[in-house]
Amino acid sequence: MLVEQDMGLLWIEPQRLTYFGDSQSFNLARDQVIAIERKADAGATSSYFGAVQVIVTYRDEQGGEQRVRLHSEGDWTMTAKAASMRDLAERLESWQASPNALAVPPSSGFEVQRQNDALR
């Protein structure tokens, strides 16, 4: 498994997810997104405070399945990080469940850390 880390911003728009980072970016149309899930990392201290990883599974341009983990950044406490991660997950799940609804105003962005999990 290949893990790459990057810092950047994620925008949730009505028909796409857009991420711009220091070294990578993606622009996913709604139909490319396969799943949005939450997964606790048993080895992470932050999971004791309720911080659960947000994982987006999508199809890339070649039709391959990819996963990316999103972590909120900029929180001073583990409790605040857990709340930010929950907020990010809820907004993404709402976006996926409601194709005709605007889950987040277009100008909203989340500061996130990206970890790309290459599936083999």
Protein backbone atom coordinates (compact mmCIF):
# COMPACT_ATOMS: atom_id res chain seq x y z
CA MET A 1 0.00 0.00 0.00
CA LEU A 2 1.35 3.40 -0.98
CA VAL A 3 0.57 6.31 1.34
CA GLU A 4 1.29 9.88 0.26
CA GLN A 5 0.58 12.87 2.45
CA ASP A 6 -0.33 16.34 1.31
CA MET A 7 -1.78 19.47 2.95
CA GLY A 8 -4.48 21.45 1.19
CA LEU A 9 -8.11 22.55 0.95
CA LEU A 10 -11.18 20.53 -0.01
CA TRP A 11 -14.20 22.22 -1.58
CA ILE A 12 -17.58 20.51 -1.61
CA GLU A 13 -19.52 21.78 -4.60
CA PRO A 14 -22.96 20.63 -5.83
CA GLN A 15 -21.60 18.31 -8.53
CA ARG A 16 -17.97 17.76 -7.54
CA LEU A 17 -15.32 17.49 -4.87
CA THR A 18 -12.25 19.61 -5.50
CA TYR A 19 -8.97 19.32 -3.60
CA PHE A 20 -5.90 21.53 -4.06
CA GLY A 21 -2.83 20.61 -2.04
CA ASP A 22 0.84 21.44 -1.83
CA SER A 23 1.82 18.70 -4.26
CA GLN A 24 -1.40 17.03 -5.48
CA SER A 25 -4.94 17.86 -6.47
CA PHE A 26 -8.11 16.18 -7.65
CA ASN A 27 -11.37 17.29 -9.17
CA LEU A 28 -13.94 14.51 -8.81
CA ALA A 29 -17.31 14.61 -10.53
CA ARG A 30 -20.19 13.26 -8.47
CA ASP A 31 -20.43 10.05 -10.53
CA GLN A 32 -16.75 9.23 -9.84
CA VAL A 33 -17.36 8.98 -6.09
CA ILE A 34 -18.17 5.39 -5.14
CA ALA A 35 -18.33 5.59 -1.34
CA ILE A 36 -17.72 7.80 1.65
CA GLU A 37 -17.03 5.96 4.87
CA ARG A 38 -15.82 6.54 8.39
CA LYS A 39 -13.23 4.23 9.86
CA ALA A 40 -11.62 4.33 13.30
CA ASP A 41 -7.86 3.77 13.48
CA ALA A 42 -7.42 1.58 16.56
CA GLY A 43 -3.74 2.58 16.81
CA ALA A 44 -4.38 6.33 16.82
CA THR A 45 -4.73 8.24 20.08
CA SER A 46 -7.26 10.54 18.41
CA SER A 47 -9.72 7.62 18.07
CA TYR A 48 -10.10 7.58 21.88
CA PHE A 49 -11.59 11.06 21.55
CA GLY A 50 -13.96 10.01 18.74
CA ALA A 51 -11.87 11.23 15.78
CA VAL A 52 -12.75 8.84 12.95
CA GLN A 53 -11.02 8.93 9.56
CA VAL A 54 -13.03 9.97 6.51
CA ILE A 55 -12.28 7.79 3.47
CA VAL A 56 -13.47 8.67 -0.03
CA THR A 57 -13.40 5.85 -2.60
CA TYR A 58 -13.56 6.96 -6.23
CA ARG A 59 -12.88 5.90 -9.82
CA ASP A 60 -9.94 7.63 -11.48
CA GLU A 61 -9.82 8.65 -15.15
CA GLN A 62 -8.53 5.18 -16.15
CA GLY A 63 -11.41 3.45 -14.33
CA GLY A 64 -9.27 2.25 -11.42
CA GLU A 65 -10.57 2.39 -7.88
CA GLN A 66 -8.70 4.74 -5.52
CA ARG A 67 -9.11 5.72 -1.87
CA VAL A 68 -8.12 8.91 -0.17
CA ARG A 69 -8.21 9.60 3.57
CA LEU A 70 -9.08 13.10 4.67
CA HIS A 71 -8.07 14.47 8.07
CA SER A 72 -9.16 17.87 9.34
CA GLU A 73 -6.34 20.19 10.35
CA GLY A 74 -5.98 23.27 12.50
CA ASP A 75 -7.68 22.04 15.68
CA TRP A 76 -6.01 22.66 19.03
CA THR A 77 -7.50 19.75 20.97
CA MET A 78 -8.41 16.14 20.22
CA THR A 79 -12.03 16.88 21.09
CA ALA A 80 -12.11 19.72 18.53
CA LYS A 81 -10.43 17.46 15.96
CA ALA A 82 -13.09 14.78 16.54
CA ALA A 83 -15.84 17.39 16.03
CA SER A 84 -14.19 18.67 12.83
CA MET A 85 -13.80 15.14 11.45
CA ARG A 86 -17.45 14.40 12.27
CA ASP A 87 -18.53 17.62 10.54
CA LEU A 88 -16.47 16.79 7.44
CA ALA A 89 -17.90 13.25 7.29
CA GLU A 90 -21.49 14.45 7.76
CA ARG A 91 -21.17 17.06 5.02
CA LEU A 92 -19.64 14.57 2.58
CA GLU A 93 -22.29 11.94 3.38
CA SER A 94 -25.03 14.53 2.94
CA TRP A 95 -23.48 15.59 -0.37
CA GLN A 96 -23.41 12.00 -1.61
CA ALA A 97 -26.96 11.21 -0.43
CA SER A 98 -28.57 14.34 -1.91
CA PRO A 99 -27.48 14.86 -5.53
CA ASN A 100 -29.89 17.77 -6.02
CA ALA A 101 -29.19 19.52 -2.72
CA LEU A 102 -26.36 21.90 -1.98
CA ALA A 103 -24.70 20.35 1.10
CA VAL A 104 -22.24 23.20 1.63
CA PRO A 105 -22.26 26.73 0.20
CA PRO A 106 -19.91 26.95 -2.82
CA SER A 107 -17.45 29.22 -1.02
CA SER A 108 -16.89 26.78 1.86
CA GLY A 109 -13.66 24.87 2.15
CA PHE A 110 -12.07 22.47 4.62
CA GLU A 111 -8.40 22.49 5.45
CA VAL A 112 -7.45 18.83 5.24
CA GLN A 113 -4.51 16.47 5.13
CA ARG A 114 -4.71 13.96 2.30
CA GLN A 115 -3.38 10.41 2.43
CA ASN A 116 -3.70 8.54 -0.85
CA ASP A 117 -4.14 4.78 -0.47
CA ALA A 118 -3.27 3.07 -3.75
CA LEU A 119 -5.31 -0.11 -4.11
CA ARG A 120 -3.63 -3.09 -5.64
